[in-house]
Amino acid sequence: CKHCEGRVLRTMHPAPSPAKLFDLCSRLKEKGAVGCLISGGCLPNGSVPLRRFIGAIARIKRELGLTVVVHTGLIDGLTARRLKEAGVDAALIDVIGSDETIRDVYQLRRGVEDYKAALRALHDSGIPFVPHILVGLHYGELRGELRALVAIARHGPSALIVIALIPLPGTSMEKLSPPPPSTVARVVAAARLMMPEVPLALGCARPKGLHRVELDRLALRAGVDAVAFPTQAGFDEASKLGLSHSIHPTCCSQVYRDLGGPG
């Protein structure tokens, strides 16, 4: 995709086979890890090729006791049910509400209806699922974020994560400006109004520097329940708003457990 062009994957440990995935998780646990995120690349149909790893994931849960979070991409009902049976703690999916963005940025021959079907598959499987909204994915502009929120709200997620475009060096988007903090906060506020009972987090994938400082403040005012890697300004704003806080060394997708949401 034109967003990261595979660069984000380069920071992750490769596990190209089920046996190597289990061995990697064993080594990580020996070093003190409490969980792992299993992600991709995706196939040309938009799915992350998880199915052949499900047996290894079940073994990781059974023998290592790690928290396991997976990025699913466009997922079918059978895979969702098998991930549920394997004991996956949360399934993450970026939801896009614009056919144009899916085609031009993700470069997939899929559509918004396919994302709705994936949400339905996750919901029907009973697996805890945590959709993500990437604000500004369409070259820094709003394009379908609100439609994506409507689709998510109809499927009762365990939690929702809002993130924002980071123009990554070395990609075709590196010279773009990210969406302003106020724009991201508007999406947060819309999510809060649409889903008042769903745990809502500001995710780790968001610009740094002054952008992050301002966004942390605005997102707390807009109603987020959690902030990944908060700035000091975020802590200060929480205090001004009279909010109590605690720190959790886990993926922000687990906010549904911390807050007792509809998991």
C-alpha atoms as a PDB file:
ATOM      1  CA  CYS A   1       0.000   0.000   0.000  1.00  0.00           C
ATOM      2  CA  LYS A   2       1.065   3.582  -0.528  1.00  0.00           C
ATOM      3  CA  HIS A   3       0.816   4.327   3.177  1.00  0.00           C
ATOM      4  CA  CYS A   4       3.848   2.377   4.445  1.00  0.00           C
ATOM      5  CA  GLU A   5       5.003   0.371   1.396  1.00  0.00           C
ATOM      6  CA  GLY A   6       6.051  -2.456   3.709  1.00  0.00           C
ATOM      7  CA  ARG A   7       8.385  -0.369   5.851  1.00  0.00           C
ATOM      8  CA  VAL A   8       6.482  -0.980   9.079  1.00  0.00           C
ATOM      9  CA  LEU A   9       6.918  -4.733   8.599  1.00  0.00           C
ATOM     10  CA  ARG A  10      10.692  -4.372   8.557  1.00  0.00           C
ATOM     11  CA  THR A  11      10.657  -3.584  12.278  1.00  0.00           C
ATOM     12  CA  MET A  12       8.910  -6.881  13.082  1.00  0.00           C
ATOM     13  CA  HIS A  13      10.373 -10.325  13.733  1.00  0.00           C
ATOM     14  CA  PRO A  14       9.736 -12.641  10.760  1.00  0.00           C
ATOM     15  CA  ALA A  15       7.978 -15.956  11.398  1.00  0.00           C
ATOM     16  CA  PRO A  16       7.414 -17.547   7.982  1.00  0.00           C
ATOM     17  CA  SER A  17       6.221 -20.928   9.272  1.00  0.00           C
ATOM     18  CA  PRO A  18       4.089 -22.164  12.208  1.00  0.00           C
ATOM     19  CA  ALA A  19       7.107 -23.822  13.838  1.00  0.00           C
ATOM     20  CA  LYS A  20       9.150 -20.629  13.602  1.00  0.00           C
ATOM     21  CA  LEU A  21       6.280 -18.618  15.050  1.00  0.00           C
ATOM     22  CA  PHE A  22       6.119 -20.866  18.114  1.00  0.00           C
ATOM     23  CA  ASP A  23       9.907 -20.808  18.538  1.00  0.00           C
ATOM     24  CA  LEU A  24       9.946 -17.014  18.253  1.00  0.00           C
ATOM     25  CA  CYS A  25       7.221 -16.634  20.869  1.00  0.00           C
ATOM     26  CA  SER A  26       9.083 -19.038  23.165  1.00  0.00           C
ATOM     27  CA  ARG A  27      12.216 -16.907  22.917  1.00  0.00           C
ATOM     28  CA  LEU A  28      10.241 -13.730  23.492  1.00  0.00           C
ATOM     29  CA  LYS A  29       8.625 -15.154  26.609  1.00  0.00           C
ATOM     30  CA  GLU A  30      12.044 -16.163  27.949  1.00  0.00           C
ATOM     31  CA  LYS A  31      13.035 -12.507  27.604  1.00  0.00           C
ATOM     32  CA  GLY A  32      10.015 -11.369  29.618  1.00  0.00           C
ATOM     33  CA  ALA A  33       7.412 -10.710  26.937  1.00  0.00           C
ATOM     34  CA  VAL A  34       3.793 -10.990  28.038  1.00  0.00           C
ATOM     35  CA  GLY A  35       2.251 -10.979  24.575  1.00  0.00           C
ATOM     36  CA  CYS A  36       2.731 -10.574  20.852  1.00  0.00           C
ATOM     37  CA  LEU A  37       1.133  -8.960  17.821  1.00  0.00           C
ATOM     38  CA  ILE A  38       0.901 -11.203  14.756  1.00  0.00           C
ATOM     39  CA  SER A  39       0.567  -9.174  11.589  1.00  0.00           C
ATOM     40  CA  GLY A  40       1.238  -9.108   7.820  1.00  0.00           C
ATOM     41  CA  GLY A  41       1.425  -8.034   4.770  1.00  0.00           C
ATOM     42  CA  CYS A  42      -1.715  -9.135   3.128  1.00  0.00           C
ATOM     43  CA  LEU A  43      -2.558 -11.255   0.122  1.00  0.00           C
ATOM     44  CA  PRO A  44      -3.967  -9.691  -3.071  1.00  0.00           C
ATOM     45  CA  ASN A  45      -7.491 -10.277  -1.711  1.00  0.00           C
ATOM     46  CA  GLY A  46      -6.764  -8.124   1.349  1.00  0.00           C
ATOM     47  CA  SER A  47      -6.524 -10.955   3.894  1.00  0.00           C
ATOM     48  CA  VAL A  48      -3.613 -11.685   6.211  1.00  0.00           C
ATOM     49  CA  PRO A  49      -2.625 -15.371   5.664  1.00  0.00           C
ATOM     50  CA  LEU A  50      -3.323 -16.520   9.231  1.00  0.00           C
ATOM     51  CA  ARG A  51      -5.138 -19.795   8.672  1.00  0.00           C
ATOM     52  CA  ARG A  52      -2.097 -22.103   8.490  1.00  0.00           C
ATOM     53  CA  PHE A  53      -0.730 -20.532  11.694  1.00  0.00           C
ATOM     54  CA  ILE A  54      -3.839 -21.129  13.792  1.00  0.00           C
ATOM     55  CA  GLY A  55      -2.564 -24.416  15.240  1.00  0.00           C
ATOM     56  CA  ALA A  56       0.656 -22.704  16.333  1.00  0.00           C
ATOM     57  CA  ILE A  57      -1.334 -19.824  17.818  1.00  0.00           C
ATOM     58  CA  ALA A  58      -3.438 -22.275  19.840  1.00  0.00           C
ATOM     59  CA  ARG A  59      -0.250 -23.892  21.119  1.00  0.00           C
ATOM     60  CA  ILE A  60       1.203 -20.472  22.033  1.00  0.00           C
ATOM     61  CA  LYS A  61      -1.901 -19.738  24.082  1.00  0.00           C
ATOM     62  CA  ARG A  62      -1.977 -23.191  25.672  1.00  0.00           C
ATOM     63  CA  GLU A  63       1.723 -23.697  26.458  1.00  0.00           C
ATOM     64  CA  LEU A  64       3.118 -20.176  26.764  1.00  0.00           C
ATOM     65  CA  GLY A  65       0.124 -18.243  28.045  1.00  0.00           C
ATOM     66  CA  LEU A  66       0.976 -15.141  26.023  1.00  0.00           C
ATOM     67  CA  THR A  67      -1.565 -12.509  25.103  1.00  0.00           C
ATOM     68  CA  VAL A  68      -1.998 -12.897  21.337  1.00  0.00           C
ATOM     69  CA  VAL A  69      -3.347 -10.106  19.150  1.00  0.00           C
ATOM     70  CA  VAL A  70      -3.669 -10.540  15.387  1.00  0.00           C
ATOM     71  CA  HIS A  71      -4.182  -8.228  12.431  1.00  0.00           C
ATOM     72  CA  THR A  72      -6.700 -10.008  10.241  1.00  0.00           C
ATOM     73  CA  GLY A  73      -7.203  -7.862   7.169  1.00  0.00           C
ATOM     74  CA  LEU A  74     -10.325  -8.898   5.274  1.00  0.00           C
ATOM     75  CA  ILE A  75     -11.306 -12.083   7.056  1.00  0.00           C
ATOM     76  CA  ASP A  76     -13.882 -14.796   6.344  1.00  0.00           C
ATOM     77  CA  GLY A  77     -16.174 -16.464   8.845  1.00  0.00           C
ATOM     78  CA  LEU A  78     -14.298 -19.773   9.059  1.00  0.00           C
ATOM     79  CA  THR A  79     -10.963 -18.143   9.841  1.00  0.00           C
ATOM     80  CA  ALA A  80     -12.600 -15.888  12.431  1.00  0.00           C
ATOM     81  CA  ARG A  81     -14.205 -18.873  14.179  1.00  0.00           C
ATOM     82  CA  ARG A  82     -10.951 -20.821  14.205  1.00  0.00           C
ATOM     83  CA  LEU A  83      -9.074 -17.858  15.677  1.00  0.00           C
ATOM     84  CA  LYS A  84     -11.739 -17.697  18.388  1.00  0.00           C
ATOM     85  CA  GLU A  85     -11.284 -21.403  19.112  1.00  0.00           C
ATOM     86  CA  ALA A  86      -7.507 -20.923  19.289  1.00  0.00           C
ATOM     87  CA  GLY A  87      -7.997 -18.421  22.101  1.00  0.00           C
ATOM     88  CA  VAL A  88      -6.825 -15.253  20.357  1.00  0.00           C
ATOM     89  CA  ASP A  89      -7.237 -12.308  22.713  1.00  0.00           C
ATOM     90  CA  ALA A  90      -8.152  -9.724  20.094  1.00  0.00           C
ATOM     91  CA  ALA A  91      -8.528  -9.439  16.337  1.00  0.00           C
ATOM     92  CA  LEU A  92      -7.573  -6.067  14.884  1.00  0.00           C
ATOM     93  CA  ILE A  93      -8.827  -4.752  11.551  1.00  0.00           C
ATOM     94  CA  ASP A  94      -8.326  -1.396   9.840  1.00  0.00           C
ATOM     95  CA  VAL A  95     -11.726  -0.362   8.500  1.00  0.00           C
ATOM     96  CA  ILE A  96     -11.958   1.890   5.437  1.00  0.00           C
ATOM     97  CA  GLY A  97     -15.132   3.680   4.410  1.00  0.00           C
ATOM     98  CA  SER A  98     -14.119   4.786   0.911  1.00  0.00           C
ATOM     99  CA  ASP A  99     -13.908   2.605  -2.195  1.00  0.00           C
ATOM    100  CA  GLU A 100     -11.533   5.179  -3.668  1.00  0.00           C
ATOM    101  CA  THR A 101      -9.124   4.874  -0.725  1.00  0.00           C
ATOM    102  CA  ILE A 102      -9.219   1.081  -0.876  1.00  0.00           C
ATOM    103  CA  ARG A 103      -8.372   1.207  -4.565  1.00  0.00           C
ATOM    104  CA  ASP A 104      -5.871   4.099  -4.682  1.00  0.00           C
ATOM    105  CA  VAL A 105      -4.048   3.769  -1.337  1.00  0.00           C
ATOM    106  CA  TYR A 106      -4.368   0.080  -0.423  1.00  0.00           C
ATOM    107  CA  GLN A 107      -4.326  -0.858  -4.111  1.00  0.00           C
ATOM    108  CA  LEU A 108      -6.874  -3.624  -3.563  1.00  0.00           C
ATOM    109  CA  ARG A 109      -9.723  -4.609  -5.842  1.00  0.00           C
ATOM    110  CA  ARG A 110     -12.111  -4.731  -2.922  1.00  0.00           C
ATOM    111  CA  GLY A 111     -14.743  -2.354  -1.585  1.00  0.00           C
ATOM    112  CA  VAL A 112     -16.408  -0.979   1.518  1.00  0.00           C
ATOM    113  CA  GLU A 113     -18.888  -3.870   1.450  1.00  0.00           C
ATOM    114  CA  ASP A 114     -15.998  -6.306   1.910  1.00  0.00           C
ATOM    115  CA  TYR A 115     -14.975  -4.512   5.107  1.00  0.00           C
ATOM    116  CA  LYS A 116     -18.564  -4.686   6.354  1.00  0.00           C
ATOM    117  CA  ALA A 117     -18.561  -8.426   5.650  1.00  0.00           C
ATOM    118  CA  ALA A 118     -15.308  -8.825   7.610  1.00  0.00           C
ATOM    119  CA  LEU A 119     -16.798  -6.960  10.563  1.00  0.00           C
ATOM    120  CA  ARG A 120     -19.830  -9.237  10.402  1.00  0.00           C
ATOM    121  CA  ALA A 121     -17.607 -12.343  10.334  1.00  0.00           C
ATOM    122  CA  LEU A 122     -15.696 -11.178  13.393  1.00  0.00           C
ATOM    123  CA  HIS A 123     -18.859 -10.261  15.271  1.00  0.00           C
ATOM    124  CA  ASP A 124     -20.582 -13.548  14.478  1.00  0.00           C
ATOM    125  CA  SER A 125     -17.541 -15.607  15.530  1.00  0.00           C
ATOM    126  CA  GLY A 126     -17.625 -14.215  19.063  1.00  0.00           C
ATOM    127  CA  ILE A 127     -13.941 -13.286  19.024  1.00  0.00           C
ATOM    128  CA  PRO A 128     -13.045 -10.008  20.742  1.00  0.00           C
ATOM    129  CA  PHE A 129     -12.431  -7.612  17.870  1.00  0.00           C
ATOM    130  CA  VAL A 130     -11.015  -4.118  17.872  1.00  0.00           C
ATOM    131  CA  PRO A 131     -11.402  -2.104  14.659  1.00  0.00           C
ATOM    132  CA  HIS A 132      -8.997   0.718  13.870  1.00  0.00           C
ATOM    133  CA  ILE A 133      -9.796   3.963  12.063  1.00  0.00           C
ATOM    134  CA  LEU A 134      -6.742   5.494  10.393  1.00  0.00           C
ATOM    135  CA  VAL A 135      -7.623   9.181  10.076  1.00  0.00           C
ATOM    136  CA  GLY A 136      -6.188  10.795   6.958  1.00  0.00           C
ATOM    137  CA  LEU A 137      -5.300   7.565   5.156  1.00  0.00           C
ATOM    138  CA  HIS A 138      -6.397   9.165   1.873  1.00  0.00           C
ATOM    139  CA  TYR A 139      -3.285  11.334   1.413  1.00  0.00           C
ATOM    140  CA  GLY A 140      -3.902  13.186   4.676  1.00  0.00           C
ATOM    141  CA  GLU A 141      -7.554  13.992   3.903  1.00  0.00           C
ATOM    142  CA  LEU A 142     -10.782  12.783   5.476  1.00  0.00           C
ATOM    143  CA  ARG A 143     -12.399  10.349   3.072  1.00  0.00           C
ATOM    144  CA  GLY A 144     -14.814   7.778   4.440  1.00  0.00           C
ATOM    145  CA  GLU A 145     -13.810   7.805   8.113  1.00  0.00           C
ATOM    146  CA  LEU A 146     -17.340   8.619   9.268  1.00  0.00           C
ATOM    147  CA  ARG A 147     -18.847   5.935   7.026  1.00  0.00           C
ATOM    148  CA  ALA A 148     -16.396   3.466   8.523  1.00  0.00           C
ATOM    149  CA  LEU A 149     -17.520   4.477  12.023  1.00  0.00           C
ATOM    150  CA  VAL A 150     -21.150   3.847  11.107  1.00  0.00           C
ATOM    151  CA  ALA A 151     -20.277   0.353   9.867  1.00  0.00           C
ATOM    152  CA  ILE A 152     -18.271  -0.400  13.013  1.00  0.00           C
ATOM    153  CA  ALA A 153     -21.012   0.838  15.324  1.00  0.00           C
ATOM    154  CA  ARG A 154     -23.488  -1.584  13.735  1.00  0.00           C
ATOM    155  CA  HIS A 155     -21.343  -4.587  14.648  1.00  0.00           C
ATOM    156  CA  GLY A 156     -20.722  -4.047  18.366  1.00  0.00           C
ATOM    157  CA  PRO A 157     -16.902  -4.036  18.626  1.00  0.00           C
ATOM    158  CA  SER A 158     -15.065  -4.905  21.827  1.00  0.00           C
ATOM    159  CA  ALA A 159     -13.210  -1.594  21.576  1.00  0.00           C
ATOM    160  CA  LEU A 160     -12.244   0.990  18.962  1.00  0.00           C
ATOM    161  CA  ILE A 161      -8.838   2.488  18.230  1.00  0.00           C
ATOM    162  CA  VAL A 162      -8.341   5.799  16.431  1.00  0.00           C
ATOM    163  CA  ILE A 163      -4.958   6.381  14.815  1.00  0.00           C
ATOM    164  CA  ALA A 164      -3.643   9.019  12.415  1.00  0.00           C
ATOM    165  CA  LEU A 165      -1.590   9.072   9.253  1.00  0.00           C
ATOM    166  CA  ILE A 166       2.171   9.279   9.762  1.00  0.00           C
ATOM    167  CA  PRO A 167       3.897  10.374   6.518  1.00  0.00           C
ATOM    168  CA  LEU A 168       6.697   7.795   6.617  1.00  0.00           C
ATOM    169  CA  PRO A 169      10.141   8.577   5.187  1.00  0.00           C
ATOM    170  CA  GLY A 170      10.896   6.720   1.993  1.00  0.00           C
ATOM    171  CA  THR A 171       7.260   6.319   0.973  1.00  0.00           C
ATOM    172  CA  SER A 172       5.231   8.177  -1.616  1.00  0.00           C
ATOM    173  CA  MET A 173       3.446   9.937   1.250  1.00  0.00           C
ATOM    174  CA  GLU A 174       6.533  11.209   3.056  1.00  0.00           C
ATOM    175  CA  LYS A 175       6.016  14.845   2.029  1.00  0.00           C
ATOM    176  CA  LEU A 176       2.347  14.976   2.974  1.00  0.00           C
ATOM    177  CA  SER A 177       1.058  16.775   6.043  1.00  0.00           C
ATOM    178  CA  PRO A 178      -0.776  14.566   8.516  1.00  0.00           C
ATOM    179  CA  PRO A 179      -4.364  15.485   9.348  1.00  0.00           C
ATOM    180  CA  PRO A 180      -4.392  18.291  11.944  1.00  0.00           C
ATOM    181  CA  PRO A 181      -4.959  17.271  15.568  1.00  0.00           C
ATOM    182  CA  SER A 182      -8.351  18.986  15.491  1.00  0.00           C
ATOM    183  CA  THR A 183      -9.433  16.804  12.562  1.00  0.00           C
ATOM    184  CA  VAL A 184      -8.395  13.606  14.325  1.00  0.00           C
ATOM    185  CA  ALA A 185     -10.176  14.784  17.475  1.00  0.00           C
ATOM    186  CA  ARG A 186     -13.368  15.349  15.462  1.00  0.00           C
ATOM    187  CA  VAL A 187     -13.291  11.695  14.441  1.00  0.00           C
ATOM    188  CA  VAL A 188     -12.687  10.707  18.074  1.00  0.00           C
ATOM    189  CA  ALA A 189     -15.678  12.810  19.149  1.00  0.00           C
ATOM    190  CA  ALA A 190     -17.874  11.268  16.451  1.00  0.00           C
ATOM    191  CA  ALA A 191     -16.838   7.784  17.576  1.00  0.00           C
ATOM    192  CA  ARG A 192     -17.636   8.646  21.189  1.00  0.00           C
ATOM    193  CA  LEU A 193     -21.096   9.901  20.263  1.00  0.00           C
ATOM    194  CA  MET A 194     -21.862   6.891  18.045  1.00  0.00           C
ATOM    195  CA  MET A 195     -20.561   4.318  20.529  1.00  0.00           C
ATOM    196  CA  PRO A 196     -20.842   5.766  24.042  1.00  0.00           C
ATOM    197  CA  GLU A 197     -20.401   2.385  25.767  1.00  0.00           C
ATOM    198  CA  VAL A 198     -17.510   1.060  23.657  1.00  0.00           C
ATOM    199  CA  PRO A 199     -13.984   1.483  25.085  1.00  0.00           C
ATOM    200  CA  LEU A 200     -12.186   4.036  22.909  1.00  0.00           C
ATOM    201  CA  ALA A 201      -8.426   4.514  22.642  1.00  0.00           C
ATOM    202  CA  LEU A 202      -6.034   6.821  20.853  1.00  0.00           C
ATOM    203  CA  GLY A 203      -3.566   4.364  19.355  1.00  0.00           C
ATOM    204  CA  CYS A 204       0.211   4.398  19.138  1.00  0.00           C
ATOM    205  CA  ALA A 205       0.314   5.062  15.365  1.00  0.00           C
ATOM    206  CA  ARG A 206       0.092   8.837  15.320  1.00  0.00           C
ATOM    207  CA  PRO A 207       2.528  11.678  14.559  1.00  0.00           C
ATOM    208  CA  LYS A 208       5.048  12.687  17.196  1.00  0.00           C
ATOM    209  CA  GLY A 209       6.215  16.114  18.368  1.00  0.00           C
ATOM    210  CA  LEU A 210       3.836  19.025  18.838  1.00  0.00           C
ATOM    211  CA  HIS A 211       1.155  17.216  16.829  1.00  0.00           C
ATOM    212  CA  ARG A 212       1.043  14.430  19.433  1.00  0.00           C
ATOM    213  CA  VAL A 213       1.045  16.909  22.311  1.00  0.00           C
ATOM    214  CA  GLU A 214      -1.999  18.743  20.952  1.00  0.00           C
ATOM    215  CA  LEU A 215      -3.795  15.579  19.858  1.00  0.00           C
ATOM    216  CA  ASP A 216      -3.422  13.989  23.295  1.00  0.00           C
ATOM    217  CA  ARG A 217      -5.093  17.015  24.861  1.00  0.00           C
ATOM    218  CA  LEU A 218      -7.925  17.184  22.339  1.00  0.00           C
ATOM    219  CA  ALA A 219      -8.569  13.431  22.323  1.00  0.00           C
ATOM    220  CA  LEU A 220      -9.004  13.387  26.086  1.00  0.00           C
ATOM    221  CA  ARG A 221     -11.498  16.231  25.823  1.00  0.00           C
ATOM    222  CA  ALA A 222     -13.272  14.336  23.035  1.00  0.00           C
ATOM    223  CA  GLY A 223     -13.777  11.313  25.245  1.00  0.00           C
ATOM    224  CA  VAL A 224     -11.060   8.671  24.771  1.00  0.00           C
ATOM    225  CA  ASP A 225     -10.686   6.153  27.566  1.00  0.00           C
ATOM    226  CA  ALA A 226      -7.029   5.348  26.879  1.00  0.00           C
ATOM    227  CA  VAL A 227      -3.976   6.844  25.175  1.00  0.00           C
ATOM    228  CA  ALA A 228      -1.071   4.732  23.928  1.00  0.00           C
ATOM    229  CA  PHE A 229       2.341   6.189  24.774  1.00  0.00           C
ATOM    230  CA  PRO A 230       0.860   9.415  26.171  1.00  0.00           C
ATOM    231  CA  THR A 231       2.830  12.635  26.321  1.00  0.00           C
ATOM    232  CA  GLN A 232       3.296  14.530  29.557  1.00  0.00           C
ATOM    233  CA  ALA A 233       0.754  16.967  28.163  1.00  0.00           C
ATOM    234  CA  GLY A 234      -1.714  14.086  28.087  1.00  0.00           C
ATOM    235  CA  PHE A 235      -1.143  13.319  31.759  1.00  0.00           C
ATOM    236  CA  ASP A 236      -1.478  17.019  32.601  1.00  0.00           C
ATOM    237  CA  GLU A 237      -4.710  17.331  30.623  1.00  0.00           C
ATOM    238  CA  ALA A 238      -6.159  14.251  32.320  1.00  0.00           C
ATOM    239  CA  SER A 239      -5.445  15.838  35.696  1.00  0.00           C
ATOM    240  CA  LYS A 240      -7.115  19.093  34.608  1.00  0.00           C
ATOM    241  CA  LEU A 241     -10.187  17.131  33.548  1.00  0.00           C
ATOM    242  CA  GLY A 242     -10.313  15.299  36.874  1.00  0.00           C
ATOM    243  CA  LEU A 243      -9.593  11.915  35.280  1.00  0.00           C
ATOM    244  CA  SER A 244      -7.888   9.120  37.179  1.00  0.00           C
ATOM    245  CA  HIS A 245      -5.363   7.032  35.293  1.00  0.00           C
ATOM    246  CA  SER A 246      -3.362   3.834  35.418  1.00  0.00           C
ATOM    247  CA  ILE A 247      -0.533   2.572  33.219  1.00  0.00           C
ATOM    248  CA  HIS A 248      -0.696  -0.781  31.428  1.00  0.00           C
ATOM    249  CA  PRO A 249       2.339  -2.259  29.589  1.00  0.00           C
ATOM    250  CA  THR A 250       0.160  -3.959  26.956  1.00  0.00           C
ATOM    251  CA  CYS A 251      -1.316  -3.307  23.529  1.00  0.00           C
ATOM    252  CA  CYS A 252      -3.994  -0.603  23.618  1.00  0.00           C
ATOM    253  CA  SER A 253      -6.395  -3.097  22.016  1.00  0.00           C
ATOM    254  CA  GLN A 254      -6.679  -4.666  25.463  1.00  0.00           C
ATOM    255  CA  VAL A 255      -8.517  -1.586  26.732  1.00  0.00           C
ATOM    256  CA  TYR A 256     -11.730  -3.624  26.518  1.00  0.00           C
ATOM    257  CA  ARG A 257     -10.372  -5.876  29.281  1.00  0.00           C
ATOM    258  CA  ASP A 258      -9.103  -3.002  31.402  1.00  0.00           C
ATOM    259  CA  LEU A 259     -12.453  -1.200  31.252  1.00  0.00           C
ATOM    260  CA  GLY A 260     -14.764  -4.197  31.141  1.00  0.00           C
ATOM    261  CA  GLY A 261     -16.250  -3.292  27.768  1.00  0.00           C
ATOM    262  CA  PRO A 262     -18.342  -5.527  25.497  1.00  0.00           C
ATOM    263  CA  GLY A 263     -15.625  -8.149  24.944  1.00  0.00           C
END
